[in-house]
Amino acid sequence: SIAALVLVAIVLLGYRSAHASPGNAEAAYKSGNYDVAVEGYRSETLKTPEDPQLQFNLGAAAYKGKKYPEALAAFGKALSVQDIAMQNQSYYNMGNTLYRQGEGTEKQNPQETIKNWEASIQAYDNALKLNPEDPDATFNREFVKKRLEALKKDQKQNPKDCNNKDNKDQKKDNQKKDNKDNQQAKNQEPRPNK
């Protein structure tokens, strides 16, 4: 009957519009369905791109879904808010995002990792300018600094040609020590997003 079709259409249209709501994106995020959360928040940010909370939420969902470039862009847009606490959290989360992005290129493109980790430290510095007492930002900044120093040291100690046996032996000894230090740092994790 026509009434049944109208009812089905109303239900389907209602579901479609509710499906793209921030509430559904938040529910998807809380249940660990980050791809659905990203889609929901992305849809909402298209409607109201100037809403920093939606941008922040999009960044958080993208970060959890390992979509680091999108997370970084969204956290950057969330900085437009006048709320200092949210700016602090956005910088902090940008630091984490840049660290993770750098982690992904560490083996194949260490120079890109160095660039990301330097930017990560800068983001933590910005978070600390807004809240100097932020223990998580302090911890993560120091954590990334140690990883960055170890990576730079490793890059310096691995020259392309090393023909001298003494240099090779010294290099092996240094690598064993550095690998142990680096492994200890890798076994640790930065503190999670806020």
N, C-alpha and C. Protein backbone atom coordinates (compact mmCIF):
# COMPACT_ATOMS: atom_id res chain seq x y z
N SER A 1 0.83 -1.18 0.00
CA SER A 1 0.00 0.00 0.00
C SER A 1 0.88 1.25 0.00
N ILE A 2 0.29 2.35 -0.38
CA ILE A 2 1.02 3.63 -0.47
C ILE A 2 1.46 4.09 0.91
N ALA A 3 0.64 3.91 1.90
CA ALA A 3 0.97 4.34 3.27
C ALA A 3 2.21 3.59 3.77
N ALA A 4 2.30 2.31 3.45
CA ALA A 4 3.45 1.51 3.88
C ALA A 4 4.71 1.99 3.19
N LEU A 5 4.61 2.30 1.89
CA LEU A 5 5.77 2.81 1.15
C LEU A 5 6.23 4.16 1.70
N VAL A 6 5.28 5.03 2.02
CA VAL A 6 5.61 6.34 2.59
C VAL A 6 6.31 6.15 3.94
N LEU A 7 5.79 5.22 4.74
CA LEU A 7 6.39 4.95 6.04
C LEU A 7 7.82 4.43 5.88
N VAL A 8 8.03 3.50 4.95
CA VAL A 8 9.37 2.97 4.68
C VAL A 8 10.30 4.09 4.22
N ALA A 9 9.81 4.94 3.33
CA ALA A 9 10.62 6.05 2.84
C ALA A 9 11.00 7.00 3.97
N ILE A 10 10.04 7.30 4.84
CA ILE A 10 10.32 8.20 5.98
C ILE A 10 11.36 7.57 6.89
N VAL A 11 11.22 6.29 7.18
CA VAL A 11 12.17 5.60 8.04
C VAL A 11 13.56 5.60 7.41
N LEU A 12 13.62 5.28 6.11
CA LEU A 12 14.93 5.24 5.43
C LEU A 12 15.56 6.62 5.36
N LEU A 13 14.78 7.63 5.05
CA LEU A 13 15.32 8.98 5.00
C LEU A 13 15.76 9.44 6.38
N GLY A 14 14.96 9.11 7.38
CA GLY A 14 15.33 9.47 8.75
C GLY A 14 16.62 8.78 9.15
N TYR A 15 16.76 7.50 8.79
CA TYR A 15 17.99 6.76 9.12
C TYR A 15 19.18 7.36 8.40
N ARG A 16 19.01 7.71 7.14
CA ARG A 16 20.11 8.27 6.36
C ARG A 16 20.60 9.58 6.98
N SER A 17 19.69 10.45 7.36
CA SER A 17 20.13 11.72 7.94
C SER A 17 20.69 11.52 9.34
N ALA A 18 20.13 10.57 10.10
CA ALA A 18 20.66 10.31 11.43
C ALA A 18 22.02 9.63 11.34
N HIS A 19 22.22 8.84 10.30
CA HIS A 19 23.47 8.11 10.15
C HIS A 19 24.68 9.04 10.05
N ALA A 20 24.48 10.22 9.50
CA ALA A 20 25.58 11.15 9.31
C ALA A 20 25.71 12.13 10.48
N SER A 21 25.00 11.89 11.57
CA SER A 21 25.04 12.84 12.68
C SER A 21 26.30 12.69 13.51
N PRO A 22 26.69 13.77 14.21
CA PRO A 22 27.86 13.68 15.08
C PRO A 22 27.68 12.62 16.16
N GLY A 23 26.44 12.43 16.61
CA GLY A 23 26.18 11.41 17.63
C GLY A 23 26.50 10.01 17.14
N ASN A 24 26.14 9.72 15.90
CA ASN A 24 26.46 8.41 15.34
C ASN A 24 27.95 8.26 15.08
N ALA A 25 28.61 9.34 14.69
CA ALA A 25 30.06 9.30 14.51
C ALA A 25 30.73 9.03 15.85
N GLU A 26 30.22 9.68 16.88
CA GLU A 26 30.79 9.47 18.22
C GLU A 26 30.56 8.04 18.69
N ALA A 27 29.39 7.49 18.43
CA ALA A 27 29.10 6.11 18.82
C ALA A 27 30.03 5.15 18.07
N ALA A 28 30.24 5.41 16.79
CA ALA A 28 31.16 4.58 16.00
C ALA A 28 32.58 4.67 16.56
N TYR A 29 32.99 5.88 16.94
CA TYR A 29 34.32 6.09 17.53
C TYR A 29 34.45 5.30 18.82
N LYS A 30 33.46 5.42 19.68
CA LYS A 30 33.51 4.73 20.98
C LYS A 30 33.50 3.22 20.83
N SER A 31 32.89 2.72 19.76
CA SER A 31 32.86 1.27 19.55
C SER A 31 34.09 0.78 18.77
N GLY A 32 34.98 1.70 18.42
CA GLY A 32 36.20 1.30 17.72
C GLY A 32 36.07 1.20 16.21
N ASN A 33 34.95 1.65 15.67
CA ASN A 33 34.74 1.63 14.23
C ASN A 33 35.18 2.99 13.66
N TYR A 34 36.48 3.16 13.56
CA TYR A 34 37.05 4.47 13.24
C TYR A 34 36.78 4.91 11.81
N ASP A 35 36.70 3.97 10.87
CA ASP A 35 36.40 4.36 9.49
C ASP A 35 35.01 4.99 9.39
N VAL A 36 34.04 4.39 10.08
CA VAL A 36 32.68 4.94 10.08
C VAL A 36 32.67 6.29 10.80
N ALA A 37 33.42 6.39 11.89
CA ALA A 37 33.50 7.66 12.63
C ALA A 37 34.11 8.75 11.75
N VAL A 38 35.17 8.42 11.03
CA VAL A 38 35.80 9.40 10.13
C VAL A 38 34.80 9.87 9.09
N GLU A 39 34.10 8.93 8.48
CA GLU A 39 33.11 9.30 7.46
C GLU A 39 32.03 10.21 8.04
N GLY A 40 31.55 9.87 9.25
CA GLY A 40 30.51 10.68 9.88
C GLY A 40 31.00 12.08 10.20
N TYR A 41 32.17 12.17 10.81
CA TYR A 41 32.71 13.50 11.15
C TYR A 41 33.07 14.28 9.89
N ARG A 42 33.60 13.59 8.89
CA ARG A 42 33.95 14.27 7.64
C ARG A 42 32.69 14.87 7.01
N SER A 43 31.61 14.10 7.01
CA SER A 43 30.33 14.57 6.47
C SER A 43 29.85 15.81 7.23
N GLU A 44 29.96 15.76 8.55
CA GLU A 44 29.53 16.91 9.37
C GLU A 44 30.42 18.13 9.16
N THR A 45 31.73 17.91 8.99
CA THR A 45 32.62 19.07 8.79
C THR A 45 32.40 19.72 7.43
N LEU A 46 31.86 18.97 6.49
CA LEU A 46 31.51 19.59 5.20
C LEU A 46 30.34 20.55 5.37
N LYS A 47 29.44 20.23 6.29
CA LYS A 47 28.29 21.09 6.54
C LYS A 47 28.69 22.32 7.36
N THR A 48 29.56 22.12 8.33
CA THR A 48 30.01 23.23 9.20
C THR A 48 31.52 23.16 9.38
N PRO A 49 32.26 23.55 8.34
CA PRO A 49 33.73 23.43 8.38
C PRO A 49 34.39 24.31 9.43
N GLU A 50 33.69 25.32 9.90
CA GLU A 50 34.28 26.23 10.88
C GLU A 50 34.14 25.73 12.32
N ASP A 51 33.49 24.59 12.53
CA ASP A 51 33.28 24.05 13.87
C ASP A 51 34.54 23.32 14.34
N PRO A 52 35.31 23.93 15.26
CA PRO A 52 36.57 23.32 15.68
C PRO A 52 36.38 22.00 16.43
N GLN A 53 35.27 21.84 17.16
CA GLN A 53 35.05 20.58 17.87
C GLN A 53 34.87 19.43 16.89
N LEU A 54 34.13 19.66 15.80
CA LEU A 54 33.97 18.62 14.79
C LEU A 54 35.31 18.30 14.14
N GLN A 55 36.12 19.34 13.88
CA GLN A 55 37.44 19.13 13.29
C GLN A 55 38.31 18.30 14.24
N PHE A 56 38.26 18.64 15.53
CA PHE A 56 39.02 17.91 16.53
C PHE A 56 38.59 16.44 16.56
N ASN A 57 37.28 16.22 16.56
CA ASN A 57 36.76 14.86 16.59
C ASN A 57 37.14 14.08 15.33
N LEU A 58 37.09 14.76 14.18
CA LEU A 58 37.54 14.13 12.94
C LEU A 58 39.01 13.74 13.06
N GLY A 59 39.82 14.64 13.60
CA GLY A 59 41.23 14.34 13.79
C GLY A 59 41.45 13.14 14.69
N ALA A 60 40.70 13.08 15.78
CA ALA A 60 40.84 11.97 16.72
C ALA A 60 40.46 10.64 16.06
N ALA A 61 39.37 10.64 15.30
CA ALA A 61 38.93 9.41 14.62
C ALA A 61 39.93 9.01 13.54
N ALA A 62 40.42 9.98 12.77
CA ALA A 62 41.40 9.69 11.72
C ALA A 62 42.69 9.15 12.33
N TYR A 63 43.12 9.73 13.45
CA TYR A 63 44.32 9.26 14.13
C TYR A 63 44.16 7.80 14.54
N LYS A 64 43.03 7.49 15.18
CA LYS A 64 42.79 6.11 15.63
C LYS A 64 42.71 5.16 14.44
N GLY A 65 42.23 5.66 13.30
CA GLY A 65 42.15 4.85 12.09
C GLY A 65 43.44 4.85 11.28
N LYS A 66 44.50 5.44 11.84
CA LYS A 66 45.83 5.52 11.21
C LYS A 66 45.83 6.30 9.90
N LYS A 67 44.92 7.26 9.80
CA LYS A 67 44.87 8.16 8.63
C LYS A 67 45.55 9.46 9.06
N TYR A 68 46.86 9.38 9.21
CA TYR A 68 47.60 10.48 9.85
C TYR A 68 47.56 11.81 9.09
N PRO A 69 47.67 11.83 7.76
CA PRO A 69 47.58 13.13 7.08
C PRO A 69 46.24 13.83 7.32
N GLU A 70 45.15 13.06 7.29
CA GLU A 70 43.83 13.64 7.53
C GLU A 70 43.70 14.10 8.98
N ALA A 71 44.24 13.32 9.91
CA ALA A 71 44.21 13.69 11.32
C ALA A 71 44.96 15.00 11.54
N LEU A 72 46.13 15.11 10.95
CA LEU A 72 46.95 16.30 11.10
C LEU A 72 46.23 17.54 10.57
N ALA A 73 45.61 17.41 9.42
CA ALA A 73 44.88 18.54 8.83
C ALA A 73 43.71 18.95 9.72
N ALA A 74 42.99 17.97 10.25
CA ALA A 74 41.82 18.28 11.10
C ALA A 74 42.26 18.92 12.41
N PHE A 75 43.31 18.41 13.04
CA PHE A 75 43.79 19.03 14.28
C PHE A 75 44.27 20.46 14.01
N GLY A 76 44.87 20.68 12.85
CA GLY A 76 45.29 22.04 12.47
C GLY A 76 44.10 22.98 12.36
N LYS A 77 43.00 22.50 11.79
CA LYS A 77 41.80 23.33 11.68
C LYS A 77 41.15 23.57 13.04
N ALA A 78 41.30 22.60 13.95
CA ALA A 78 40.72 22.75 15.29
C ALA A 78 41.42 23.85 16.09
N LEU A 79 42.61 24.25 15.67
CA LEU A 79 43.34 25.31 16.39
C LEU A 79 42.67 26.67 16.29
N SER A 80 41.68 26.80 15.40
CA SER A 80 41.03 28.10 15.22
C SER A 80 40.13 28.48 16.41
N VAL A 81 39.94 27.56 17.32
CA VAL A 81 39.08 27.80 18.48
C VAL A 81 39.76 28.76 19.46
N GLN A 82 38.95 29.51 20.20
CA GLN A 82 39.49 30.42 21.22
C GLN A 82 39.78 29.70 22.54
N ASP A 83 39.28 28.50 22.68
CA ASP A 83 39.43 27.69 23.88
C ASP A 83 40.88 27.20 23.99
N ILE A 84 41.62 27.69 24.98
CA ILE A 84 43.03 27.36 25.16
C ILE A 84 43.22 25.86 25.41
N ALA A 85 42.32 25.26 26.19
CA ALA A 85 42.44 23.83 26.49
C ALA A 85 42.34 23.00 25.20
N MET A 86 41.42 23.36 24.31
CA MET A 86 41.29 22.62 23.06
C MET A 86 42.50 22.87 22.15
N GLN A 87 43.01 24.09 22.15
CA GLN A 87 44.22 24.36 21.38
C GLN A 87 45.38 23.50 21.90
N ASN A 88 45.51 23.42 23.22
CA ASN A 88 46.54 22.59 23.83
C ASN A 88 46.39 21.13 23.39
N GLN A 89 45.17 20.62 23.47
CA GLN A 89 44.92 19.23 23.07
C GLN A 89 45.19 19.02 21.59
N SER A 90 44.85 20.02 20.78
CA SER A 90 45.09 19.89 19.33
C SER A 90 46.59 19.84 19.04
N TYR A 91 47.36 20.73 19.66
CA TYR A 91 48.81 20.68 19.47
C TYR A 91 49.39 19.35 19.96
N TYR A 92 48.93 18.91 21.11
CA TYR A 92 49.40 17.65 21.67
C TYR A 92 49.11 16.50 20.70
N ASN A 93 47.88 16.45 20.20
CA ASN A 93 47.50 15.38 19.28
C ASN A 93 48.24 15.50 17.95
N MET A 94 48.55 16.72 17.53
CA MET A 94 49.37 16.90 16.33
C MET A 94 50.76 16.31 16.57
N GLY A 95 51.30 16.53 17.76
CA GLY A 95 52.60 15.95 18.09
C GLY A 95 52.57 14.44 17.99
N ASN A 96 51.53 13.82 18.54
CA ASN A 96 51.39 12.36 18.47
C ASN A 96 51.23 11.90 17.02
N THR A 97 50.44 12.63 16.26
CA THR A 97 50.19 12.26 14.86
C THR A 97 51.48 12.33 14.06
N LEU A 98 52.24 13.39 14.24
CA LEU A 98 53.51 13.53 13.52
C LEU A 98 54.50 12.45 13.93
N TYR A 99 54.49 12.10 15.20
CA TYR A 99 55.37 11.02 15.65
C TYR A 99 55.00 9.71 14.94
N ARG A 100 53.72 9.37 14.95
CA ARG A 100 53.27 8.12 14.32
C ARG A 100 53.53 8.14 12.81
N GLN A 101 53.32 9.28 12.20
CA GLN A 101 53.58 9.41 10.77
C GLN A 101 55.06 9.16 10.49
N GLY A 102 55.92 9.71 11.34
CA GLY A 102 57.36 9.50 11.19
C GLY A 102 57.76 8.05 11.43
N GLU A 103 57.10 7.42 12.37
CA GLU A 103 57.37 6.01 12.65
C GLU A 103 57.17 5.16 11.40
N GLY A 104 56.18 5.52 10.62
CA GLY A 104 55.86 4.75 9.41
C GLY A 104 56.91 4.86 8.32
N THR A 105 57.76 5.87 8.37
CA THR A 105 58.78 6.05 7.33
C THR A 105 60.19 5.81 7.85
N GLU A 106 60.31 5.40 9.11
CA GLU A 106 61.62 5.30 9.75
C GLU A 106 62.60 4.41 8.99
N LYS A 107 62.18 3.27 8.53
CA LYS A 107 63.09 2.33 7.86
C LYS A 107 63.38 2.73 6.41
N GLN A 108 62.35 3.10 5.67
CA GLN A 108 62.55 3.36 4.25
C GLN A 108 62.94 4.80 3.94
N ASN A 109 62.60 5.76 4.81
CA ASN A 109 62.92 7.15 4.53
C ASN A 109 63.21 7.89 5.85
N PRO A 110 64.38 7.62 6.45
CA PRO A 110 64.69 8.23 7.75
C PRO A 110 64.69 9.75 7.73
N GLN A 111 65.02 10.36 6.60
CA GLN A 111 65.03 11.82 6.54
C GLN A 111 63.61 12.37 6.71
N GLU A 112 62.64 11.68 6.15
CA GLU A 112 61.24 12.09 6.32
C GLU A 112 60.82 11.91 7.79
N THR A 113 61.30 10.85 8.39
CA THR A 113 61.02 10.61 9.81
C THR A 113 61.60 11.74 10.66
N ILE A 114 62.83 12.12 10.37
CA ILE A 114 63.47 13.21 11.12
C ILE A 114 62.64 14.48 11.00
N LYS A 115 62.18 14.77 9.80
CA LYS A 115 61.35 15.97 9.57
C LYS A 115 60.05 15.90 10.39
N ASN A 116 59.40 14.74 10.37
CA ASN A 116 58.15 14.58 11.12
C ASN A 116 58.39 14.68 12.62
N TRP A 117 59.46 14.06 13.10
CA TRP A 117 59.71 14.07 14.54
C TRP A 117 60.13 15.45 15.03
N GLU A 118 60.85 16.20 14.20
CA GLU A 118 61.17 17.59 14.57
C GLU A 118 59.89 18.42 14.66
N ALA A 119 58.99 18.21 13.72
CA ALA A 119 57.69 18.92 13.75
C ALA A 119 56.86 18.45 14.95
N SER A 120 56.98 17.18 15.31
CA SER A 120 56.28 16.65 16.48
C SER A 120 56.74 17.36 17.75
N ILE A 121 58.04 17.51 17.89
CA ILE A 121 58.60 18.20 19.06
C ILE A 121 58.10 19.64 19.10
N GLN A 122 58.03 20.29 17.95
CA GLN A 122 57.53 21.67 17.88
C GLN A 122 56.06 21.74 18.31
N ALA A 123 55.28 20.74 17.91
CA ALA A 123 53.87 20.71 18.31
C ALA A 123 53.74 20.55 19.83
N TYR A 124 54.56 19.68 20.41
CA TYR A 124 54.55 19.54 21.87
C TYR A 124 54.99 20.84 22.55
N ASP A 125 55.99 21.50 21.97
CA ASP A 125 56.42 22.80 22.51
C ASP A 125 55.26 23.80 22.50
N ASN A 126 54.50 23.80 21.40
CA ASN A 126 53.35 24.71 21.32
C ASN A 126 52.30 24.35 22.36
N ALA A 127 52.08 23.07 22.59
CA ALA A 127 51.14 22.64 23.63
C ALA A 127 51.62 23.12 24.99
N LEU A 128 52.92 23.03 25.21
CA LEU A 128 53.48 23.44 26.51
C LEU A 128 53.48 24.95 26.70
N LYS A 129 53.50 25.70 25.61
CA LYS A 129 53.37 27.16 25.74
C LYS A 129 51.99 27.52 26.28
N LEU A 130 51.00 26.73 25.89
CA LEU A 130 49.63 26.98 26.34
C LEU A 130 49.36 26.41 27.73
N ASN A 131 50.06 25.32 28.06
CA ASN A 131 49.91 24.71 29.38
C ASN A 131 51.26 24.13 29.80
N PRO A 132 52.09 24.96 30.42
CA PRO A 132 53.43 24.51 30.81
C PRO A 132 53.44 23.34 31.80
N GLU A 133 52.32 23.09 32.45
CA GLU A 133 52.24 22.02 33.45
C GLU A 133 51.71 20.71 32.85
N ASP A 134 51.59 20.61 31.54
CA ASP A 134 51.03 19.42 30.90
C ASP A 134 52.06 18.27 30.96
N PRO A 135 51.85 17.29 31.85
CA PRO A 135 52.84 16.23 32.01
C PRO A 135 52.93 15.30 30.79
N ASP A 136 51.81 15.11 30.09
CA ASP A 136 51.83 14.23 28.92
C ASP A 136 52.64 14.85 27.79
N ALA A 137 52.44 16.14 27.56
CA ALA A 137 53.20 16.83 26.50
C ALA A 137 54.68 16.83 26.85
N THR A 138 55.01 17.04 28.11
CA THR A 138 56.41 17.03 28.54
C THR A 138 57.01 15.64 28.32
N PHE A 139 56.30 14.61 28.74
CA PHE A 139 56.79 13.24 28.58
C PHE A 139 56.99 12.91 27.10
N ASN A 140 55.98 13.19 26.28
CA ASN A 140 56.07 12.84 24.86
C ASN A 140 57.14 13.64 24.13
N ARG A 141 57.30 14.91 24.49
CA ARG A 141 58.35 15.71 23.86
C ARG A 141 59.71 15.07 24.14
N GLU A 142 59.96 14.70 25.39
CA GLU A 142 61.24 14.07 25.74
C GLU A 142 61.39 12.70 25.08
N PHE A 143 60.30 11.95 25.01
CA PHE A 143 60.32 10.64 24.36
C PHE A 143 60.72 10.78 22.89
N VAL A 144 60.08 11.70 22.18
CA VAL A 144 60.37 11.88 20.76
C VAL A 144 61.78 12.44 20.57
N LYS A 145 62.21 13.33 21.45
CA LYS A 145 63.58 13.86 21.36
C LYS A 145 64.60 12.73 21.44
N LYS A 146 64.39 11.79 22.35
CA LYS A 146 65.32 10.65 22.48
C LYS A 146 65.31 9.79 21.22
N ARG A 147 64.13 9.52 20.70
CA ARG A 147 64.04 8.72 19.47
C ARG A 147 64.70 9.44 18.31
N LEU A 148 64.50 10.76 18.24
CA LEU A 148 65.09 11.57 17.17
C LEU A 148 66.61 11.57 17.28
N GLU A 149 67.12 11.78 18.48
CA GLU A 149 68.58 11.77 18.68
C GLU A 149 69.17 10.43 18.28
N ALA A 150 68.52 9.33 18.67
CA ALA A 150 69.01 7.99 18.32
C ALA A 150 69.00 7.79 16.80
N LEU A 151 67.96 8.26 16.14
CA LEU A 151 67.87 8.11 14.69
C LEU A 151 68.95 8.95 14.00
N LYS A 152 69.15 10.18 14.45
CA LYS A 152 70.19 11.03 13.85
C LYS A 152 71.57 10.42 14.07
N LYS A 153 71.80 9.90 15.25
CA LYS A 153 73.08 9.26 15.56
C LYS A 153 73.30 8.05 14.66
N ASP A 154 72.27 7.28 14.48
CA ASP A 154 72.34 6.11 13.61
C ASP A 154 72.64 6.52 12.17
N GLN A 155 72.04 7.60 11.73
CA GLN A 155 72.28 8.09 10.37
C GLN A 155 73.74 8.53 10.19
N LYS A 156 74.31 9.16 11.22
CA LYS A 156 75.70 9.61 11.16
C LYS A 156 76.68 8.44 11.20
N GLN A 157 76.32 7.39 11.94
CA GLN A 157 77.23 6.26 12.12
C GLN A 157 77.16 5.24 11.00
N ASN A 158 76.32 5.44 10.07
CA ASN A 158 76.21 4.49 8.97
C ASN A 158 76.67 5.11 7.66
N PRO A 159 77.98 5.44 7.58
CA PRO A 159 78.48 5.97 6.30
C PRO A 159 78.41 4.89 5.23
N LYS A 160 78.38 5.31 4.00
CA LYS A 160 78.19 4.38 2.88
C LYS A 160 79.34 3.40 2.71
N ASP A 161 80.59 3.88 2.79
CA ASP A 161 81.70 2.95 2.61
C ASP A 161 82.59 2.96 3.85
N CYS A 162 82.81 1.78 4.37
CA CYS A 162 83.60 1.62 5.57
C CYS A 162 84.52 0.43 5.34
N ASN A 163 85.70 0.67 4.71
CA ASN A 163 86.60 -0.41 4.32
C ASN A 163 87.54 -0.83 5.44
N ASN A 164 87.81 0.04 6.37
CA ASN A 164 88.76 -0.23 7.43
C ASN A 164 88.16 -1.21 8.43
N LYS A 165 88.87 -2.34 8.72
CA LYS A 165 88.36 -3.35 9.64
C LYS A 165 88.13 -2.77 11.03
N ASP A 166 89.05 -1.92 11.50
CA ASP A 166 88.87 -1.31 12.82
C ASP A 166 87.59 -0.49 12.87
N ASN A 167 87.34 0.24 11.81
CA ASN A 167 86.11 1.03 11.75
C ASN A 167 84.89 0.12 11.77
N LYS A 168 85.00 -1.02 11.05
CA LYS A 168 83.88 -1.96 11.02
C LYS A 168 83.63 -2.52 12.41
N ASP A 169 84.69 -2.90 13.13
CA ASP A 169 84.53 -3.43 14.48
C ASP A 169 83.94 -2.38 15.41
N GLN A 170 84.45 -1.16 15.32
CA GLN A 170 83.94 -0.08 16.16
C GLN A 170 82.47 0.19 15.82
N LYS A 171 82.18 0.17 14.53
CA LYS A 171 80.82 0.39 14.08
C LYS A 171 79.89 -0.69 14.64
N LYS A 172 80.33 -1.98 14.63
CA LYS A 172 79.52 -3.07 15.17
C LYS A 172 79.27 -2.87 16.65
N ASP A 173 80.31 -2.50 17.40
CA ASP A 173 80.14 -2.26 18.83
C ASP A 173 79.15 -1.13 19.08
N ASN A 174 79.30 -0.03 18.34
CA ASN A 174 78.39 1.11 18.48
C ASN A 174 76.96 0.72 18.12
N GLN A 175 76.83 -0.08 17.05
CA GLN A 175 75.49 -0.48 16.62
C GLN A 175 74.81 -1.36 17.67
N LYS A 176 75.59 -2.26 18.30
CA LYS A 176 75.00 -3.11 19.35
C LYS A 176 74.47 -2.25 20.48
N LYS A 177 75.28 -1.27 20.91
CA LYS A 177 74.86 -0.38 22.00
C LYS A 177 73.66 0.46 21.56
N ASP A 178 73.76 1.04 20.37
CA ASP A 178 72.66 1.87 19.86
C ASP A 178 71.39 1.05 19.66
N ASN A 179 71.54 -0.17 19.16
CA ASN A 179 70.37 -1.02 18.95
C ASN A 179 69.70 -1.32 20.29
N LYS A 180 70.50 -1.57 21.32
CA LYS A 180 69.95 -1.83 22.64
C LYS A 180 69.20 -0.59 23.14
N ASP A 181 69.84 0.59 23.02
CA ASP A 181 69.19 1.85 23.45
C ASP A 181 67.94 2.12 22.64
N ASN A 182 68.06 1.93 21.33
CA ASN A 182 66.93 2.18 20.44
C ASN A 182 65.79 1.21 20.71
N GLN A 183 66.13 -0.06 21.00
CA GLN A 183 65.09 -1.04 21.29
C GLN A 183 64.35 -0.69 22.57
N GLN A 184 65.11 -0.20 23.58
CA GLN A 184 64.46 0.22 24.82
C GLN A 184 63.50 1.37 24.53
N ALA A 185 63.92 2.31 23.71
CA ALA A 185 63.05 3.44 23.37
C ALA A 185 61.84 2.96 22.57
N LYS A 186 62.06 2.02 21.66
CA LYS A 186 60.95 1.52 20.84
C LYS A 186 59.94 0.75 21.69
N ASN A 187 60.42 0.08 22.73
CA ASN A 187 59.52 -0.68 23.58
C ASN A 187 58.63 0.23 24.40
N GLN A 188 59.05 1.46 24.58
CA GLN A 188 58.21 2.43 25.26
C GLN A 188 57.27 3.03 24.23
N GLU A 189 56.24 3.63 24.70
CA GLU A 189 55.28 4.29 23.83
C GLU A 189 55.03 5.71 24.33
N PRO A 190 54.77 6.62 23.41
CA PRO A 190 54.34 7.95 23.88
C PRO A 190 52.96 7.82 24.50
N ARG A 191 52.62 8.79 25.28
CA ARG A 191 51.29 8.79 25.91
C ARG A 191 50.24 9.06 24.83
N PRO A 192 49.06 8.45 24.96
CA PRO A 192 48.05 8.54 23.90
C PRO A 192 47.43 9.94 23.77
N ASN A 193 46.66 10.08 22.69
CA ASN A 193 45.96 11.34 22.43
C ASN A 193 45.00 11.67 23.55
N LYS A 194 44.68 12.97 23.62
CA LYS A 194 43.74 13.45 24.64
C LYS A 194 42.35 13.54 24.06
